N, C-alpha and C. Protein backbone atom coordinates (compact mmCIF):
# COMPACT_ATOMS: atom_id res chain seq x y z
N MET A 1 128.19 104.77 108.95
CA MET A 1 126.87 105.16 108.47
C MET A 1 125.88 105.06 109.62
N ASN A 2 124.95 105.95 109.66
CA ASN A 2 123.90 105.98 110.67
C ASN A 2 123.12 104.66 110.64
N GLY A 3 123.02 104.00 111.81
CA GLY A 3 122.31 102.72 111.90
C GLY A 3 120.85 102.85 111.51
N TYR A 4 120.26 103.99 111.78
CA TYR A 4 118.86 104.21 111.42
C TYR A 4 118.67 104.08 109.92
N LEU A 5 119.57 104.67 109.16
CA LEU A 5 119.46 104.61 107.70
C LEU A 5 119.68 103.19 107.20
N ARG A 6 120.63 102.48 107.77
CA ARG A 6 120.92 101.13 107.33
C ARG A 6 119.72 100.21 107.55
N ASP A 7 118.99 100.41 108.65
CA ASP A 7 117.88 99.52 109.01
C ASP A 7 116.54 100.00 108.48
N MET A 8 116.51 101.15 107.83
CA MET A 8 115.25 101.72 107.38
C MET A 8 114.63 100.87 106.28
N VAL A 9 113.34 100.65 106.38
CA VAL A 9 112.61 99.89 105.37
C VAL A 9 111.41 100.69 104.91
N VAL A 10 110.82 100.21 103.87
CA VAL A 10 109.61 100.83 103.36
C VAL A 10 108.50 100.62 104.39
N ILE A 11 107.73 101.64 104.64
CA ILE A 11 106.59 101.54 105.54
C ILE A 11 105.34 101.32 104.70
N GLN A 12 104.55 100.31 105.07
CA GLN A 12 103.31 100.02 104.35
C GLN A 12 102.14 100.18 105.30
N LEU A 13 101.14 100.88 104.84
CA LEU A 13 99.89 101.03 105.59
C LEU A 13 98.78 100.41 104.76
N LEU A 14 97.91 99.65 105.40
CA LEU A 14 96.77 99.04 104.72
C LEU A 14 95.52 99.44 105.47
N GLN A 15 94.54 99.92 104.76
CA GLN A 15 93.29 100.34 105.38
C GLN A 15 92.15 100.11 104.41
N LYS A 16 90.93 100.04 104.95
CA LYS A 16 89.73 99.91 104.13
C LYS A 16 88.79 101.06 104.45
N VAL A 17 88.11 101.53 103.44
CA VAL A 17 87.08 102.56 103.61
C VAL A 17 85.80 102.03 102.97
N SER A 18 84.72 102.05 103.74
CA SER A 18 83.42 101.56 103.25
C SER A 18 82.62 102.70 102.63
N PHE A 19 81.70 102.31 101.75
CA PHE A 19 80.80 103.26 101.10
C PHE A 19 79.36 102.80 101.28
N GLU A 20 78.46 103.75 101.23
CA GLU A 20 77.04 103.42 101.28
C GLU A 20 76.63 102.74 99.98
N LEU A 21 75.56 102.02 100.03
CA LEU A 21 75.02 101.33 98.86
C LEU A 21 74.76 102.34 97.75
N GLY A 22 75.30 102.09 96.55
CA GLY A 22 75.06 102.94 95.39
C GLY A 22 75.64 104.33 95.51
N ASP A 23 76.76 104.48 96.20
CA ASP A 23 77.33 105.81 96.41
C ASP A 23 78.85 105.75 96.29
N TYR A 24 79.43 106.84 95.87
CA TYR A 24 80.89 106.93 95.83
C TYR A 24 81.40 108.18 96.52
N THR A 25 80.52 108.84 97.28
CA THR A 25 80.98 110.00 98.05
C THR A 25 81.54 109.51 99.38
N LEU A 26 82.49 110.24 99.88
CA LEU A 26 83.19 109.88 101.10
C LEU A 26 82.35 110.27 102.31
N SER A 27 82.15 109.33 103.22
CA SER A 27 81.44 109.63 104.46
C SER A 27 82.37 110.39 105.39
N GLU A 28 81.82 110.95 106.45
CA GLU A 28 82.64 111.66 107.43
C GLU A 28 83.65 110.70 108.05
N LYS A 29 83.20 109.49 108.37
CA LYS A 29 84.10 108.48 108.95
C LYS A 29 85.19 108.10 107.94
N GLY A 30 84.82 107.91 106.67
CA GLY A 30 85.80 107.60 105.64
C GLY A 30 86.83 108.70 105.49
N GLY A 31 86.36 109.95 105.51
CA GLY A 31 87.28 111.08 105.41
C GLY A 31 88.25 111.12 106.57
N GLN A 32 87.78 110.78 107.76
CA GLN A 32 88.65 110.76 108.94
C GLN A 32 89.71 109.67 108.82
N ILE A 33 89.31 108.50 108.32
CA ILE A 33 90.27 107.41 108.12
C ILE A 33 91.35 107.84 107.13
N LEU A 34 90.94 108.46 106.02
CA LEU A 34 91.91 108.91 105.01
C LEU A 34 92.83 109.99 105.56
N LYS A 35 92.27 110.88 106.36
CA LYS A 35 93.09 111.94 106.96
C LYS A 35 94.15 111.35 107.87
N GLU A 36 93.76 110.34 108.66
CA GLU A 36 94.72 109.68 109.54
C GLU A 36 95.83 108.99 108.75
N ILE A 37 95.47 108.34 107.64
CA ILE A 37 96.48 107.69 106.79
C ILE A 37 97.43 108.75 106.23
N ALA A 38 96.87 109.84 105.69
CA ALA A 38 97.69 110.90 105.10
C ALA A 38 98.62 111.52 106.14
N GLU A 39 98.12 111.75 107.34
CA GLU A 39 98.95 112.33 108.40
C GLU A 39 100.07 111.39 108.79
N LYS A 40 99.80 110.09 108.83
CA LYS A 40 100.83 109.11 109.15
C LYS A 40 101.91 109.10 108.05
N MET A 41 101.47 109.14 106.79
CA MET A 41 102.44 109.17 105.69
C MET A 41 103.27 110.44 105.74
N ASP A 42 102.63 111.57 106.05
CA ASP A 42 103.34 112.83 106.13
C ASP A 42 104.35 112.82 107.28
N SER A 43 103.98 112.22 108.39
CA SER A 43 104.89 112.09 109.52
C SER A 43 106.12 111.26 109.16
N LEU A 44 105.90 110.17 108.43
CA LEU A 44 107.01 109.34 107.98
C LEU A 44 107.90 110.09 107.00
N ARG A 45 107.26 110.87 106.13
CA ARG A 45 108.01 111.68 105.17
C ARG A 45 108.95 112.63 105.91
N GLU A 46 108.43 113.30 106.92
CA GLU A 46 109.25 114.23 107.70
C GLU A 46 110.39 113.51 108.42
N GLU A 47 110.08 112.33 108.96
CA GLU A 47 111.10 111.55 109.66
C GLU A 47 112.23 111.15 108.72
N TYR A 48 111.89 110.76 107.52
CA TYR A 48 112.93 110.38 106.55
C TYR A 48 113.83 111.56 106.21
N PHE A 49 113.24 112.75 106.06
CA PHE A 49 114.05 113.92 105.73
C PHE A 49 114.97 114.29 106.89
N VAL A 50 114.53 114.06 108.12
CA VAL A 50 115.39 114.32 109.27
C VAL A 50 116.65 113.46 109.18
N HIS A 51 116.50 112.28 108.61
CA HIS A 51 117.63 111.36 108.49
C HIS A 51 118.27 111.41 107.09
N ASN A 52 118.15 112.56 106.46
CA ASN A 52 118.85 112.86 105.20
C ASN A 52 118.40 112.08 103.97
N ALA A 53 117.17 111.70 103.92
CA ALA A 53 116.67 111.10 102.68
C ALA A 53 116.75 112.14 101.58
N HIS A 54 117.17 111.73 100.41
CA HIS A 54 117.28 112.63 99.26
C HIS A 54 115.89 112.96 98.73
N THR A 55 115.07 111.94 98.60
CA THR A 55 113.69 112.06 98.12
C THR A 55 112.84 111.08 98.91
N VAL A 56 111.58 111.41 99.09
CA VAL A 56 110.64 110.49 99.72
C VAL A 56 109.61 110.11 98.67
N VAL A 57 109.39 108.83 98.54
CA VAL A 57 108.43 108.30 97.58
C VAL A 57 107.18 107.88 98.33
N ILE A 58 106.05 108.44 97.95
CA ILE A 58 104.76 108.07 98.53
C ILE A 58 103.97 107.39 97.42
N SER A 59 103.70 106.11 97.61
CA SER A 59 102.94 105.33 96.62
C SER A 59 101.64 104.88 97.25
N ILE A 60 100.55 105.12 96.55
CA ILE A 60 99.24 104.76 97.06
C ILE A 60 98.51 103.97 95.97
N LYS A 61 98.01 102.82 96.35
CA LYS A 61 97.20 102.01 95.44
C LYS A 61 95.84 101.85 96.08
N VAL A 62 94.80 102.22 95.34
CA VAL A 62 93.43 102.13 95.83
C VAL A 62 92.68 101.16 94.93
N ILE A 63 92.05 100.17 95.54
CA ILE A 63 91.28 99.19 94.78
C ILE A 63 89.84 99.24 95.27
N GLY A 64 88.93 99.56 94.34
CA GLY A 64 87.51 99.65 94.67
C GLY A 64 86.77 98.35 94.36
N TYR A 65 85.80 98.04 95.19
CA TYR A 65 84.96 96.86 95.03
C TYR A 65 83.50 97.27 95.16
N THR A 66 82.60 96.43 94.66
CA THR A 66 81.16 96.64 94.87
C THR A 66 80.51 95.30 95.14
N ASP A 67 79.30 95.37 95.67
CA ASP A 67 78.48 94.17 95.76
C ASP A 67 77.70 94.06 94.45
N PRO A 68 76.96 92.96 94.24
CA PRO A 68 76.27 92.78 92.95
C PRO A 68 74.87 93.40 92.90
N THR A 69 74.67 94.48 93.63
CA THR A 69 73.37 95.14 93.64
C THR A 69 73.12 95.83 92.30
N ASP A 70 71.91 95.70 91.80
CA ASP A 70 71.54 96.35 90.54
C ASP A 70 71.20 97.82 90.80
N PHE A 71 71.01 98.56 89.73
CA PHE A 71 70.75 100.00 89.80
C PHE A 71 69.33 100.29 89.36
N LYS A 72 68.77 101.31 89.97
CA LYS A 72 67.43 101.76 89.57
C LYS A 72 67.57 102.53 88.26
N GLU A 73 66.91 102.02 87.21
CA GLU A 73 67.00 102.68 85.91
C GLU A 73 66.54 104.13 85.99
N ASN A 74 67.24 104.96 85.26
CA ASN A 74 66.97 106.39 85.15
C ASN A 74 67.19 107.18 86.43
N SER A 75 67.80 106.55 87.46
CA SER A 75 68.20 107.31 88.63
C SER A 75 69.40 108.17 88.24
N PRO A 76 69.68 109.24 88.96
CA PRO A 76 70.84 110.08 88.61
C PRO A 76 72.15 109.28 88.54
N LEU A 77 72.35 108.35 89.49
CA LEU A 77 73.57 107.55 89.48
C LEU A 77 73.61 106.64 88.25
N PHE A 78 72.51 105.99 87.95
CA PHE A 78 72.42 105.12 86.77
C PHE A 78 72.79 105.90 85.52
N LEU A 79 72.19 107.07 85.34
CA LEU A 79 72.44 107.88 84.14
C LEU A 79 73.90 108.34 84.06
N GLU A 80 74.48 108.66 85.20
CA GLU A 80 75.89 109.08 85.23
C GLU A 80 76.81 107.93 84.83
N LEU A 81 76.57 106.76 85.41
CA LEU A 81 77.46 105.63 85.18
C LEU A 81 77.25 104.97 83.82
N ILE A 82 76.01 104.93 83.35
CA ILE A 82 75.74 104.25 82.08
C ILE A 82 76.48 104.93 80.92
N ASP A 83 76.66 106.23 81.01
CA ASP A 83 77.42 106.94 79.98
C ASP A 83 78.86 106.43 79.88
N LEU A 84 79.40 105.98 81.01
CA LEU A 84 80.77 105.49 81.04
C LEU A 84 80.87 104.02 80.62
N CYS A 85 79.73 103.38 80.40
CA CYS A 85 79.69 101.98 79.96
C CYS A 85 79.40 101.86 78.47
N GLN A 86 79.31 102.95 77.75
CA GLN A 86 78.88 102.91 76.36
C GLN A 86 79.77 102.07 75.46
N GLU A 87 81.04 101.96 75.80
CA GLU A 87 81.95 101.19 74.94
C GLU A 87 81.85 99.69 75.20
N GLN A 88 81.12 99.30 76.22
CA GLN A 88 80.97 97.89 76.57
C GLN A 88 79.79 97.27 75.84
N SER A 89 79.84 95.98 75.66
CA SER A 89 78.70 95.25 75.12
C SER A 89 77.74 94.99 76.28
N LEU A 90 76.57 95.59 76.20
CA LEU A 90 75.60 95.49 77.29
C LEU A 90 74.33 94.80 76.81
N GLU A 91 74.50 93.61 76.29
CA GLU A 91 73.38 92.89 75.71
C GLU A 91 72.40 92.37 76.75
N SER A 92 72.87 92.07 77.94
CA SER A 92 71.98 91.54 78.97
C SER A 92 71.97 92.47 80.18
N ARG A 93 70.97 92.32 81.00
CA ARG A 93 70.85 93.11 82.23
C ARG A 93 72.05 92.83 83.15
N GLU A 94 72.49 91.56 83.18
CA GLU A 94 73.63 91.20 84.02
C GLU A 94 74.90 91.91 83.54
N GLN A 95 75.14 91.96 82.23
CA GLN A 95 76.32 92.65 81.69
C GLN A 95 76.27 94.14 82.04
N ARG A 96 75.09 94.71 81.93
CA ARG A 96 74.94 96.14 82.26
C ARG A 96 75.22 96.37 83.74
N ARG A 97 74.65 95.53 84.61
CA ARG A 97 74.86 95.68 86.05
C ARG A 97 76.35 95.56 86.38
N LYS A 98 77.02 94.57 85.78
CA LYS A 98 78.44 94.38 86.06
C LYS A 98 79.26 95.59 85.61
N CYS A 99 78.92 96.13 84.45
CA CYS A 99 79.63 97.32 83.96
C CYS A 99 79.37 98.51 84.89
N LEU A 100 78.14 98.71 85.28
CA LEU A 100 77.82 99.82 86.18
C LEU A 100 78.55 99.67 87.52
N ASN A 101 78.60 98.46 88.04
CA ASN A 101 79.30 98.24 89.31
C ASN A 101 80.81 98.42 89.17
N ARG A 102 81.36 98.04 88.01
CA ARG A 102 82.79 98.27 87.80
C ARG A 102 83.08 99.77 87.77
N VAL A 103 82.24 100.51 87.06
CA VAL A 103 82.43 101.96 86.99
C VAL A 103 82.24 102.60 88.37
N LEU A 104 81.26 102.11 89.13
CA LEU A 104 81.05 102.62 90.49
C LEU A 104 82.29 102.36 91.35
N SER A 105 82.87 101.16 91.22
CA SER A 105 84.07 100.86 92.02
C SER A 105 85.24 101.75 91.59
N GLU A 106 85.33 102.06 90.30
CA GLU A 106 86.37 102.99 89.82
C GLU A 106 86.16 104.38 90.41
N LYS A 107 84.90 104.82 90.44
CA LYS A 107 84.58 106.15 91.01
C LYS A 107 84.95 106.21 92.49
N ARG A 108 84.70 105.11 93.21
CA ARG A 108 85.07 105.06 94.63
C ARG A 108 86.58 105.17 94.79
N ALA A 109 87.31 104.43 93.98
CA ALA A 109 88.78 104.50 94.04
C ALA A 109 89.27 105.91 93.68
N GLN A 110 88.66 106.52 92.68
CA GLN A 110 89.04 107.88 92.28
C GLN A 110 88.75 108.89 93.40
N THR A 111 87.65 108.71 94.10
CA THR A 111 87.31 109.61 95.22
C THR A 111 88.44 109.59 96.25
N ILE A 112 88.91 108.40 96.58
CA ILE A 112 89.98 108.28 97.57
C ILE A 112 91.30 108.80 96.99
N GLY A 113 91.58 108.45 95.75
CA GLY A 113 92.81 108.94 95.13
C GLY A 113 92.86 110.46 95.09
N MET A 114 91.75 111.10 94.79
CA MET A 114 91.70 112.56 94.75
C MET A 114 91.87 113.17 96.14
N PHE A 115 91.35 112.49 97.16
CA PHE A 115 91.57 112.97 98.53
C PHE A 115 93.06 113.08 98.80
N PHE A 116 93.81 112.00 98.49
CA PHE A 116 95.26 112.01 98.73
C PHE A 116 95.97 113.02 97.84
N GLN A 117 95.55 113.14 96.59
CA GLN A 117 96.15 114.13 95.70
C GLN A 117 95.97 115.53 96.28
N ASP A 118 94.77 115.84 96.73
CA ASP A 118 94.50 117.16 97.31
C ASP A 118 95.29 117.38 98.61
N TYR A 119 95.43 116.33 99.40
CA TYR A 119 96.15 116.45 100.66
C TYR A 119 97.64 116.76 100.41
N PHE A 120 98.24 116.03 99.48
CA PHE A 120 99.68 116.15 99.27
C PHE A 120 100.07 117.23 98.26
N GLU A 121 99.12 117.78 97.52
CA GLU A 121 99.43 118.80 96.51
C GLU A 121 100.24 119.98 97.06
N PRO A 122 99.87 120.56 98.21
CA PRO A 122 100.68 121.68 98.72
C PRO A 122 102.14 121.27 99.00
N LEU A 123 102.34 120.05 99.49
CA LEU A 123 103.71 119.59 99.74
C LEU A 123 104.48 119.39 98.45
N LEU A 124 103.80 118.89 97.43
CA LEU A 124 104.45 118.69 96.14
C LEU A 124 104.91 120.01 95.54
N GLN A 125 104.12 121.06 95.78
CA GLN A 125 104.47 122.35 95.21
C GLN A 125 105.58 123.05 95.98
N THR A 126 105.71 122.77 97.29
CA THR A 126 106.71 123.46 98.09
C THR A 126 107.98 122.64 98.30
N HIS A 127 107.92 121.34 98.07
CA HIS A 127 109.08 120.47 98.25
C HIS A 127 109.32 119.72 96.94
N GLY A 128 110.43 119.97 96.33
CA GLY A 128 110.73 119.30 95.07
C GLY A 128 111.23 117.88 95.26
N ASN A 129 111.39 117.46 96.50
CA ASN A 129 111.97 116.16 96.76
C ASN A 129 110.94 115.13 97.28
N ILE A 130 109.74 115.25 96.80
CA ILE A 130 108.68 114.29 97.12
C ILE A 130 108.14 113.74 95.80
N SER A 131 108.01 112.44 95.76
CA SER A 131 107.42 111.78 94.60
C SER A 131 106.11 111.14 95.05
N LEU A 132 105.02 111.46 94.36
CA LEU A 132 103.70 110.92 94.69
C LEU A 132 103.18 110.12 93.52
N ASP A 133 102.84 108.87 93.78
CA ASP A 133 102.30 107.99 92.74
C ASP A 133 101.00 107.39 93.28
N ILE A 134 99.89 107.69 92.62
CA ILE A 134 98.59 107.16 93.03
C ILE A 134 98.03 106.32 91.90
N ASN A 135 97.70 105.08 92.21
CA ASN A 135 97.15 104.15 91.24
C ASN A 135 95.76 103.76 91.72
N MET A 136 94.74 103.97 90.89
CA MET A 136 93.35 103.71 91.27
C MET A 136 92.74 102.67 90.34
N LEU A 137 92.18 101.62 90.92
CA LEU A 137 91.58 100.54 90.15
C LEU A 137 90.18 100.25 90.67
N GLY A 138 89.30 99.84 89.77
CA GLY A 138 87.97 99.42 90.17
C GLY A 138 87.72 98.00 89.72
N TYR A 139 87.49 97.10 90.67
CA TYR A 139 87.28 95.69 90.35
C TYR A 139 85.80 95.32 90.24
N GLY A 140 84.92 96.22 90.63
CA GLY A 140 83.50 95.92 90.51
C GLY A 140 83.07 94.78 91.40
N GLU A 141 82.07 94.03 90.92
CA GLU A 141 81.50 92.94 91.71
C GLU A 141 82.17 91.60 91.45
N ASP A 142 82.97 91.49 90.40
CA ASP A 142 83.56 90.21 90.02
C ASP A 142 84.66 89.74 90.97
N HIS A 143 85.34 90.65 91.60
CA HIS A 143 86.40 90.29 92.54
C HIS A 143 85.90 90.57 93.95
N ILE A 144 85.93 89.56 94.77
CA ILE A 144 85.47 89.72 96.15
C ILE A 144 86.69 90.02 97.01
N PRO A 145 86.61 91.06 97.85
CA PRO A 145 87.77 91.41 98.68
C PRO A 145 88.19 90.25 99.59
N ASP A 146 89.48 90.19 99.88
CA ASP A 146 89.97 89.20 100.83
C ASP A 146 89.22 89.33 102.15
N GLY A 147 88.95 88.22 102.77
CA GLY A 147 88.27 88.23 104.06
C GLY A 147 86.76 88.13 103.97
N VAL A 148 86.20 88.19 102.78
CA VAL A 148 84.76 88.05 102.59
C VAL A 148 84.54 86.69 101.96
N THR A 149 83.94 85.79 102.71
CA THR A 149 83.74 84.43 102.22
C THR A 149 82.26 84.10 102.09
N ASP A 150 81.97 83.16 101.22
CA ASP A 150 80.59 82.68 101.08
C ASP A 150 80.19 81.96 102.35
N PRO A 151 78.96 81.95 102.74
CA PRO A 151 77.91 82.77 102.14
C PRO A 151 77.95 84.19 102.74
N TYR A 152 77.61 85.14 101.95
CA TYR A 152 77.54 86.52 102.40
C TYR A 152 76.27 87.12 101.80
N PRO A 153 75.66 88.05 102.52
CA PRO A 153 74.47 88.70 101.96
C PRO A 153 74.84 89.48 100.70
N THR A 154 73.94 89.55 99.75
CA THR A 154 74.19 90.27 98.50
C THR A 154 74.65 91.70 98.77
N LYS A 155 74.01 92.36 99.70
CA LYS A 155 74.34 93.76 99.99
C LYS A 155 75.30 93.88 101.17
N ASP A 156 76.26 92.97 101.25
CA ASP A 156 77.24 92.94 102.33
C ASP A 156 78.16 94.15 102.22
N GLU A 157 78.19 94.97 103.27
CA GLU A 157 79.00 96.20 103.22
C GLU A 157 80.49 95.89 103.13
N ARG A 158 80.91 94.68 103.47
CA ARG A 158 82.32 94.33 103.33
C ARG A 158 82.74 94.28 101.87
N ARG A 159 81.76 94.25 100.95
CA ARG A 159 82.07 94.25 99.52
C ARG A 159 82.03 95.66 98.94
N ARG A 160 81.48 96.63 99.67
CA ARG A 160 81.39 98.01 99.18
C ARG A 160 82.54 98.82 99.79
N ILE A 161 83.74 98.43 99.46
CA ILE A 161 84.90 99.05 100.08
C ILE A 161 85.93 99.45 99.03
N CYS A 162 86.86 100.24 99.49
CA CYS A 162 88.11 100.46 98.77
C CYS A 162 89.22 100.06 99.72
N LYS A 163 90.12 99.24 99.22
CA LYS A 163 91.31 98.91 99.99
C LYS A 163 92.40 99.90 99.57
N ILE A 164 93.11 100.36 100.57
CA ILE A 164 94.15 101.35 100.33
C ILE A 164 95.48 100.77 100.77
N TYR A 165 96.41 100.69 99.84
CA TYR A 165 97.76 100.25 100.13
C TYR A 165 98.64 101.49 99.99
N ALA A 166 99.24 101.90 101.08
CA ALA A 166 100.05 103.11 101.05
C ALA A 166 101.47 102.76 101.48
N TYR A 167 102.42 103.20 100.67
CA TYR A 167 103.82 102.94 100.94
C TYR A 167 104.56 104.26 101.01
N VAL A 168 105.41 104.38 102.00
CA VAL A 168 106.28 105.55 102.11
C VAL A 168 107.70 105.01 102.20
N SER A 169 108.54 105.46 101.31
CA SER A 169 109.91 104.96 101.32
C SER A 169 110.89 106.09 101.04
N PRO A 170 112.06 106.00 101.65
CA PRO A 170 113.08 107.01 101.40
C PRO A 170 113.88 106.66 100.16
N SER A 171 114.42 107.67 99.56
CA SER A 171 115.36 107.49 98.46
C SER A 171 116.57 108.34 98.82
N PHE A 172 117.71 107.72 98.84
CA PHE A 172 118.91 108.42 99.26
C PHE A 172 119.88 108.57 98.09
N ASP A 173 120.76 109.52 98.22
CA ASP A 173 121.89 109.60 97.31
C ASP A 173 122.90 108.60 97.86
N TRP A 174 122.84 107.37 97.36
CA TRP A 174 123.64 106.28 97.92
C TRP A 174 125.14 106.54 97.76
N HIS A 175 125.52 107.20 96.71
CA HIS A 175 126.93 107.54 96.53
C HIS A 175 127.39 108.40 97.71
N GLU A 176 126.61 109.39 98.02
CA GLU A 176 126.95 110.28 99.12
C GLU A 176 126.96 109.54 100.45
N LEU A 177 126.00 108.64 100.64
CA LEU A 177 125.91 107.92 101.92
C LEU A 177 127.07 106.97 102.15
N PHE A 178 127.46 106.24 101.12
CA PHE A 178 128.45 105.18 101.33
C PHE A 178 129.87 105.55 100.93
N LEU A 179 130.02 106.37 99.93
CA LEU A 179 131.35 106.60 99.40
C LEU A 179 132.02 107.85 99.95
N THR A 180 131.27 108.75 100.52
CA THR A 180 131.89 109.99 101.00
C THR A 180 132.04 110.00 102.50
N ARG A 181 131.74 108.92 103.16
CA ARG A 181 131.85 108.90 104.64
C ARG A 181 133.00 108.08 105.09
């Protein structure tokens, strides 16, 4: 058996993308970071196929975070997000802020998830041997990202991020690899 295949492991990429205060649109810098991640994953996908991988699995997990900044009432963002909080109990201003920030963090994660979906969609349509799994979560202000310790400023940009965990792994026809050689 080819030594490369025997020693092959799952490749994991970890990256963070920051967002502006009260925003979930991708900055030019954020878009460049995502493009570099996608290109690296695509390069690994091609490398696995060169070594006879049956299928390549691309798994992406995006976790969005926010700082505890409140929202300006009746702003376009407030009105957009508050509609998505209607099922929550919003008896206090703090509960409303937390719900809005959770929804904002979900929107940030979805922005990144959609970037990857759009990037890999043409490959999915032309190659039947690629599996793409994107999981998007929004933790809001209640979960502080690793590496951010107290004390930190309320509007600390290290809290307005999405962490991206990207895995690329080969899937082989193991019967063919081991039993027919």
